[in-house]
Amino acid sequence: MIMSLLSAAAAMVIPTITGIPTFFQRAVVPPGPVEAVILGPLFDRPFACIDHPEGDVGALGDAFGADCMVLGGPGGRTGGYFRLFRGDGKRNADWYGWHAHVLAPFDGRIAHVQDNPVTNRPGSMSKAMASNIVFRRDDGLVVVYAHVTAIRVKAGDRVTAGQIVALDGNNGMARAPHIHVGAFRDRTPYQIRWDQRAEGRLFKDD
């Protein structure tokens, strides 16, 4: 599994964000069914996510999070099959998600932005904090995107669902181009679902 940015706190400088629990605090999962939140599509093209199951990672931003990668490969609707990369995948540019548009998950405000300008080679990763964007919705829901690059927003900006906020990158604790997504309110993490109606509008030509 691709490791997320939020799993090696001891080696990182942890940002403090006003009004939001500190990253790496232990998530508090209440008993009973885990609540889910529906987010706008992460990319403007088909993608797949690897979930962090309960117990895999326990920090806010990681717990019940997902690592998401753009899919490519099929030749239209009747031929071919999905792939993550072309060739052997040893170059970032081989990956279908490399520098894909990354979209805001909802209408809200940018609470924090951090940029890591160092790009990893596929198959290797650093222990540095990944580039990340922290979104806050008016009802207090927080969403973290990690491993982004070419960030187009800054703290305090208002964004709308589907707005391009960055490009897909490969930095921090990542071995390949992808975006880690985590969602929480206070110290309670949420499972992530994607707005399939919005995906239908975006992916209609794929």
C-alpha atoms as a PDB file:
ATOM      1  CA  MET A   1       0.000   0.000   0.000  1.00  0.00           C
ATOM      2  CA  ILE A   2       1.190   3.505  -0.747  1.00  0.00           C
ATOM      3  CA  MET A   3       2.042   5.180   2.550  1.00  0.00           C
ATOM      4  CA  SER A   4       0.360   8.476   3.317  1.00  0.00           C
ATOM      5  CA  LEU A   5       1.986  11.678   4.421  1.00  0.00           C
ATOM      6  CA  LEU A   6       0.584  11.493   7.913  1.00  0.00           C
ATOM      7  CA  SER A   7       2.259   8.359   9.302  1.00  0.00           C
ATOM      8  CA  ALA A   8       5.699   9.484  10.498  1.00  0.00           C
ATOM      9  CA  ALA A   9       5.048  12.406  12.835  1.00  0.00           C
ATOM     10  CA  ALA A  10       8.324  12.098  14.689  1.00  0.00           C
ATOM     11  CA  ALA A  11      10.333  13.068  11.623  1.00  0.00           C
ATOM     12  CA  MET A  12       8.194  16.052  10.624  1.00  0.00           C
ATOM     13  CA  VAL A  13       7.411  19.604  11.642  1.00  0.00           C
ATOM     14  CA  ILE A  14       3.711  19.491  12.499  1.00  0.00           C
ATOM     15  CA  PRO A  15       1.677  22.522  11.393  1.00  0.00           C
ATOM     16  CA  THR A  16      -0.639  24.285  13.832  1.00  0.00           C
ATOM     17  CA  ILE A  17      -3.894  25.426  12.253  1.00  0.00           C
ATOM     18  CA  THR A  18      -6.238  27.700  14.182  1.00  0.00           C
ATOM     19  CA  GLY A  19      -9.518  25.996  15.008  1.00  0.00           C
ATOM     20  CA  ILE A  20      -8.480  22.563  13.724  1.00  0.00           C
ATOM     21  CA  PRO A  21      -7.047  19.693  15.789  1.00  0.00           C
ATOM     22  CA  THR A  22      -3.346  19.111  15.171  1.00  0.00           C
ATOM     23  CA  PHE A  23      -2.399  16.508  12.600  1.00  0.00           C
ATOM     24  CA  PHE A  24      -1.180  13.260  14.155  1.00  0.00           C
ATOM     25  CA  GLN A  25      -3.483  13.509  17.144  1.00  0.00           C
ATOM     26  CA  ARG A  26      -5.164  10.181  17.677  1.00  0.00           C
ATOM     27  CA  ALA A  27      -8.491  10.020  15.896  1.00  0.00           C
ATOM     28  CA  VAL A  28     -11.439   9.164  18.139  1.00  0.00           C
ATOM     29  CA  VAL A  29     -13.770   6.632  16.535  1.00  0.00           C
ATOM     30  CA  PRO A  30     -17.117   6.409  18.333  1.00  0.00           C
ATOM     31  CA  PRO A  31     -18.768   3.004  18.777  1.00  0.00           C
ATOM     32  CA  GLY A  32     -21.283   1.875  16.193  1.00  0.00           C
ATOM     33  CA  PRO A  33     -21.307   2.397  12.424  1.00  0.00           C
ATOM     34  CA  VAL A  34     -18.676   4.728  11.007  1.00  0.00           C
ATOM     35  CA  GLU A  35     -20.206   7.782   9.375  1.00  0.00           C
ATOM     36  CA  ALA A  36     -19.387   8.612   5.781  1.00  0.00           C
ATOM     37  CA  VAL A  37     -19.083  11.949   4.022  1.00  0.00           C
ATOM     38  CA  ILE A  38     -19.739  12.538   0.319  1.00  0.00           C
ATOM     39  CA  LEU A  39     -17.128  14.672  -1.405  1.00  0.00           C
ATOM     40  CA  GLY A  40     -16.988  16.143  -4.868  1.00  0.00           C
ATOM     41  CA  PRO A  41     -14.785  14.238  -7.339  1.00  0.00           C
ATOM     42  CA  LEU A  42     -11.066  14.468  -6.618  1.00  0.00           C
ATOM     43  CA  PHE A  43     -10.074  14.383 -10.303  1.00  0.00           C
ATOM     44  CA  ASP A  44     -11.815  15.306 -13.566  1.00  0.00           C
ATOM     45  CA  ARG A  45     -11.251  11.807 -14.954  1.00  0.00           C
ATOM     46  CA  PRO A  46     -11.806   8.244 -13.674  1.00  0.00           C
ATOM     47  CA  PHE A  47      -9.818   7.288 -10.580  1.00  0.00           C
ATOM     48  CA  ALA A  48      -9.598   4.533  -7.984  1.00  0.00           C
ATOM     49  CA  CYS A  49      -8.766   4.660  -4.282  1.00  0.00           C
ATOM     50  CA  ILE A  50      -7.100   2.327  -1.799  1.00  0.00           C
ATOM     51  CA  ASP A  51      -8.785   2.739   1.576  1.00  0.00           C
ATOM     52  CA  HIS A  52      -7.059   2.856   4.945  1.00  0.00           C
ATOM     53  CA  PRO A  53      -9.093   0.253   6.892  1.00  0.00           C
ATOM     54  CA  GLU A  54      -9.770   0.711  10.582  1.00  0.00           C
ATOM     55  CA  GLY A  55      -6.600   0.045  12.580  1.00  0.00           C
ATOM     56  CA  ASP A  56      -4.252   0.600   9.629  1.00  0.00           C
ATOM     57  CA  VAL A  57      -3.418   4.170  10.651  1.00  0.00           C
ATOM     58  CA  GLY A  58      -4.930   6.076  13.547  1.00  0.00           C
ATOM     59  CA  ALA A  59      -3.984   9.730  13.212  1.00  0.00           C
ATOM     60  CA  LEU A  60      -6.312  12.512  12.123  1.00  0.00           C
ATOM     61  CA  GLY A  61      -6.050  12.978   8.388  1.00  0.00           C
ATOM     62  CA  ASP A  62      -5.057   9.326   7.959  1.00  0.00           C
ATOM     63  CA  ALA A  63      -7.759   7.356   9.786  1.00  0.00           C
ATOM     64  CA  PHE A  64     -10.315   6.034   7.280  1.00  0.00           C
ATOM     65  CA  GLY A  65      -8.482   7.998   4.585  1.00  0.00           C
ATOM     66  CA  ALA A  66      -7.782   6.899   1.027  1.00  0.00           C
ATOM     67  CA  ASP A  67      -4.927   6.999  -1.496  1.00  0.00           C
ATOM     68  CA  CYS A  68      -6.339   7.828  -4.929  1.00  0.00           C
ATOM     69  CA  MET A  69      -4.844   7.344  -8.386  1.00  0.00           C
ATOM     70  CA  VAL A  70      -6.026   8.277 -11.869  1.00  0.00           C
ATOM     71  CA  LEU A  71      -6.867   5.399 -14.199  1.00  0.00           C
ATOM     72  CA  GLY A  72      -6.007   5.239 -17.871  1.00  0.00           C
ATOM     73  CA  GLY A  73      -5.521   2.694 -20.617  1.00  0.00           C
ATOM     74  CA  PRO A  74      -8.869   1.669 -22.129  1.00  0.00           C
ATOM     75  CA  GLY A  75      -9.402   2.488 -25.778  1.00  0.00           C
ATOM     76  CA  GLY A  76     -12.975   3.731 -25.524  1.00  0.00           C
ATOM     77  CA  ARG A  77     -15.804   1.917 -23.777  1.00  0.00           C
ATOM     78  CA  THR A  78     -15.371  -1.455 -25.507  1.00  0.00           C
ATOM     79  CA  GLY A  79     -11.631  -2.128 -25.638  1.00  0.00           C
ATOM     80  CA  GLY A  80      -8.574  -2.305 -23.418  1.00  0.00           C
ATOM     81  CA  TYR A  81      -8.348  -2.341 -19.636  1.00  0.00           C
ATOM     82  CA  PHE A  82      -7.500   0.079 -16.876  1.00  0.00           C
ATOM     83  CA  ARG A  83      -3.899   0.746 -15.905  1.00  0.00           C
ATOM     84  CA  LEU A  84      -2.163   3.117 -13.498  1.00  0.00           C
ATOM     85  CA  PHE A  85       0.850   3.822 -15.719  1.00  0.00           C
ATOM     86  CA  ARG A  86       2.369   3.347 -19.159  1.00  0.00           C
ATOM     87  CA  GLY A  87       5.443   1.191 -19.699  1.00  0.00           C
ATOM     88  CA  ASP A  88       7.300   0.239 -16.524  1.00  0.00           C
ATOM     89  CA  GLY A  89       6.157   3.236 -14.452  1.00  0.00           C
ATOM     90  CA  LYS A  90       9.678   4.248 -13.497  1.00  0.00           C
ATOM     91  CA  ARG A  91       9.124   7.869 -14.507  1.00  0.00           C
ATOM     92  CA  ASN A  92       6.492  10.110 -12.943  1.00  0.00           C
ATOM     93  CA  ALA A  93       5.351  11.062 -16.438  1.00  0.00           C
ATOM     94  CA  ASP A  94       4.511   7.388 -17.071  1.00  0.00           C
ATOM     95  CA  TRP A  95       1.672   7.588 -14.538  1.00  0.00           C
ATOM     96  CA  TYR A  96      -1.723   8.610 -15.874  1.00  0.00           C
ATOM     97  CA  GLY A  97      -2.331  10.785 -12.827  1.00  0.00           C
ATOM     98  CA  TRP A  98       0.898  12.761 -13.038  1.00  0.00           C
ATOM     99  CA  HIS A  99      -0.045  16.461 -13.004  1.00  0.00           C
ATOM    100  CA  ALA A 100      -3.758  15.703 -13.361  1.00  0.00           C
ATOM    101  CA  HIS A 101      -6.049  18.474 -12.114  1.00  0.00           C
ATOM    102  CA  VAL A 102      -6.955  18.124  -8.423  1.00  0.00           C
ATOM    103  CA  LEU A 103     -10.404  19.487  -7.564  1.00  0.00           C
ATOM    104  CA  ALA A 104     -11.812  21.045  -4.377  1.00  0.00           C
ATOM    105  CA  PRO A 105     -14.095  18.624  -2.475  1.00  0.00           C
ATOM    106  CA  PHE A 106     -16.783  21.161  -1.512  1.00  0.00           C
ATOM    107  CA  ASP A 107     -17.579  24.847  -1.140  1.00  0.00           C
ATOM    108  CA  GLY A 108     -15.480  26.109   1.738  1.00  0.00           C
ATOM    109  CA  ARG A 109     -12.306  27.835   2.837  1.00  0.00           C
ATOM    110  CA  ILE A 110      -8.624  26.943   2.618  1.00  0.00           C
ATOM    111  CA  ALA A 111      -7.383  26.546   6.193  1.00  0.00           C
ATOM    112  CA  HIS A 112      -3.756  25.671   5.450  1.00  0.00           C
ATOM    113  CA  VAL A 113      -1.328  25.115   2.587  1.00  0.00           C
ATOM    114  CA  GLN A 114       2.116  23.551   2.789  1.00  0.00           C
ATOM    115  CA  ASP A 115       4.471  23.062  -0.160  1.00  0.00           C
ATOM    116  CA  ASN A 116       7.213  20.457  -0.457  1.00  0.00           C
ATOM    117  CA  PRO A 117       9.072  21.226  -3.712  1.00  0.00           C
ATOM    118  CA  VAL A 118      11.034  17.946  -3.769  1.00  0.00           C
ATOM    119  CA  THR A 119       9.624  15.368  -6.196  1.00  0.00           C
ATOM    120  CA  ASN A 120      10.156  11.669  -5.513  1.00  0.00           C
ATOM    121  CA  ARG A 121      11.099   9.065  -8.092  1.00  0.00           C
ATOM    122  CA  PRO A 122       8.524   6.285  -8.472  1.00  0.00           C
ATOM    123  CA  GLY A 123       9.413   3.435  -6.150  1.00  0.00           C
ATOM    124  CA  SER A 124      11.142   5.599  -3.533  1.00  0.00           C
ATOM    125  CA  MET A 125       9.909   8.121  -0.988  1.00  0.00           C
ATOM    126  CA  SER A 126      11.168  10.667   1.500  1.00  0.00           C
ATOM    127  CA  LYS A 127      10.301  11.129   5.166  1.00  0.00           C
ATOM    128  CA  ALA A 128       9.535  14.819   4.741  1.00  0.00           C
ATOM    129  CA  MET A 129       6.064  16.291   5.145  1.00  0.00           C
ATOM    130  CA  ALA A 130       4.179  16.085   1.867  1.00  0.00           C
ATOM    131  CA  SER A 131       2.712  19.112   0.186  1.00  0.00           C
ATOM    132  CA  ASN A 132      -0.834  19.439   1.459  1.00  0.00           C
ATOM    133  CA  ILE A 133      -4.000  21.490   1.344  1.00  0.00           C
ATOM    134  CA  VAL A 134      -6.452  21.608   4.249  1.00  0.00           C
ATOM    135  CA  PHE A 135     -10.057  22.510   3.420  1.00  0.00           C
ATOM    136  CA  ARG A 136     -12.695  23.528   5.972  1.00  0.00           C
ATOM    137  CA  ARG A 137     -16.399  23.513   5.277  1.00  0.00           C
ATOM    138  CA  ASP A 138     -18.724  25.921   7.080  1.00  0.00           C
ATOM    139  CA  ASP A 139     -20.132  23.074   9.207  1.00  0.00           C
ATOM    140  CA  GLY A 140     -16.646  22.249  10.539  1.00  0.00           C
ATOM    141  CA  LEU A 141     -15.818  19.306   8.278  1.00  0.00           C
ATOM    142  CA  VAL A 142     -12.109  19.238   7.455  1.00  0.00           C
ATOM    143  CA  VAL A 143     -10.595  17.514   4.419  1.00  0.00           C
ATOM    144  CA  VAL A 144      -6.876  17.054   3.829  1.00  0.00           C
ATOM    145  CA  TYR A 145      -5.281  16.486   0.419  1.00  0.00           C
ATOM    146  CA  ALA A 146      -1.640  15.359   0.483  1.00  0.00           C
ATOM    147  CA  HIS A 147       1.090  14.902  -2.169  1.00  0.00           C
ATOM    148  CA  VAL A 148      -0.286  17.746  -4.316  1.00  0.00           C
ATOM    149  CA  THR A 149       1.971  19.951  -6.421  1.00  0.00           C
ATOM    150  CA  ALA A 150       1.638  23.275  -8.277  1.00  0.00           C
ATOM    151  CA  ILE A 151      -0.790  24.517  -5.618  1.00  0.00           C
ATOM    152  CA  ARG A 152      -3.113  27.251  -6.881  1.00  0.00           C
ATOM    153  CA  VAL A 153      -4.704  28.399  -3.618  1.00  0.00           C
ATOM    154  CA  LYS A 154      -3.546  29.959  -0.366  1.00  0.00           C
ATOM    155  CA  ALA A 155      -4.777  29.966   3.221  1.00  0.00           C
ATOM    156  CA  GLY A 156      -7.922  32.051   3.586  1.00  0.00           C
ATOM    157  CA  ASP A 157      -9.150  31.578   0.020  1.00  0.00           C
ATOM    158  CA  ARG A 158     -12.756  30.578  -0.609  1.00  0.00           C
ATOM    159  CA  VAL A 159     -13.153  27.673  -3.021  1.00  0.00           C
ATOM    160  CA  THR A 160     -16.078  25.992  -4.734  1.00  0.00           C
ATOM    161  CA  ALA A 161     -16.587  22.291  -5.323  1.00  0.00           C
ATOM    162  CA  GLY A 162     -14.795  21.217  -8.499  1.00  0.00           C
ATOM    163  CA  GLN A 163     -12.416  24.179  -8.581  1.00  0.00           C
ATOM    164  CA  ILE A 164      -8.866  23.268  -9.661  1.00  0.00           C
ATOM    165  CA  VAL A 165      -6.685  23.752  -6.580  1.00  0.00           C
ATOM    166  CA  ALA A 166      -3.481  21.878  -7.491  1.00  0.00           C
ATOM    167  CA  LEU A 167      -1.990  19.121  -9.633  1.00  0.00           C
ATOM    168  CA  ASP A 168      -1.363  15.496  -8.745  1.00  0.00           C
ATOM    169  CA  GLY A 169       2.169  15.072  -7.399  1.00  0.00           C
ATOM    170  CA  ASN A 170       4.614  12.640  -5.811  1.00  0.00           C
ATOM    171  CA  ASN A 171       6.281  14.072  -2.707  1.00  0.00           C
ATOM    172  CA  GLY A 172       6.723  13.310   0.972  1.00  0.00           C
ATOM    173  CA  MET A 173       5.828   9.772   1.999  1.00  0.00           C
ATOM    174  CA  ALA A 174       4.691   8.651  -1.445  1.00  0.00           C
ATOM    175  CA  ARG A 175       6.108   6.100  -3.872  1.00  0.00           C
ATOM    176  CA  ALA A 176       4.076   7.154  -6.909  1.00  0.00           C
ATOM    177  CA  PRO A 177       1.852   9.998  -8.111  1.00  0.00           C
ATOM    178  CA  HIS A 178      -1.370   9.948  -6.095  1.00  0.00           C
ATOM    179  CA  ILE A 179      -3.421  12.055  -3.709  1.00  0.00           C
ATOM    180  CA  HIS A 180      -4.110  11.052  -0.120  1.00  0.00           C
ATOM    181  CA  VAL A 181      -7.490  12.220   1.163  1.00  0.00           C
ATOM    182  CA  GLY A 182      -8.612  12.314   4.795  1.00  0.00           C
ATOM    183  CA  ALA A 183     -11.778  13.735   6.350  1.00  0.00           C
ATOM    184  CA  PHE A 184     -12.676  14.549   9.951  1.00  0.00           C
ATOM    185  CA  ARG A 185     -14.680  16.848  12.209  1.00  0.00           C
ATOM    186  CA  ASP A 186     -13.130  17.702  15.576  1.00  0.00           C
ATOM    187  CA  ARG A 187     -11.320  14.410  16.293  1.00  0.00           C
ATOM    188  CA  THR A 188     -13.817  12.102  14.591  1.00  0.00           C
ATOM    189  CA  PRO A 189     -12.716  10.643  11.225  1.00  0.00           C
ATOM    190  CA  TYR A 190     -15.124   9.888   8.393  1.00  0.00           C
ATOM    191  CA  GLN A 191     -15.213   7.315   5.649  1.00  0.00           C
ATOM    192  CA  ILE A 192     -15.070   8.908   2.216  1.00  0.00           C
ATOM    193  CA  ARG A 193     -17.568   8.494  -0.601  1.00  0.00           C
ATOM    194  CA  TRP A 194     -17.550  10.321  -3.923  1.00  0.00           C
ATOM    195  CA  ASP A 195     -20.433  12.244  -5.471  1.00  0.00           C
ATOM    196  CA  GLN A 196     -21.274   9.895  -8.329  1.00  0.00           C
ATOM    197  CA  ARG A 197     -23.698  12.326  -9.947  1.00  0.00           C
ATOM    198  CA  ALA A 198     -20.931  14.921 -10.195  1.00  0.00           C
ATOM    199  CA  GLU A 199     -18.586  12.208 -11.500  1.00  0.00           C
ATOM    200  CA  GLY A 200     -21.126  11.403 -14.204  1.00  0.00           C
ATOM    201  CA  ARG A 201     -21.020  14.989 -15.414  1.00  0.00           C
ATOM    202  CA  LEU A 202     -17.210  15.096 -15.393  1.00  0.00           C
ATOM    203  CA  PHE A 203     -16.531  11.651 -16.860  1.00  0.00           C
ATOM    204  CA  LYS A 204     -19.220  11.568 -19.562  1.00  0.00           C
ATOM    205  CA  ASP A 205     -16.663  11.539 -22.375  1.00  0.00           C
ATOM    206  CA  ASP A 206     -14.353   8.908 -20.798  1.00  0.00           C
END
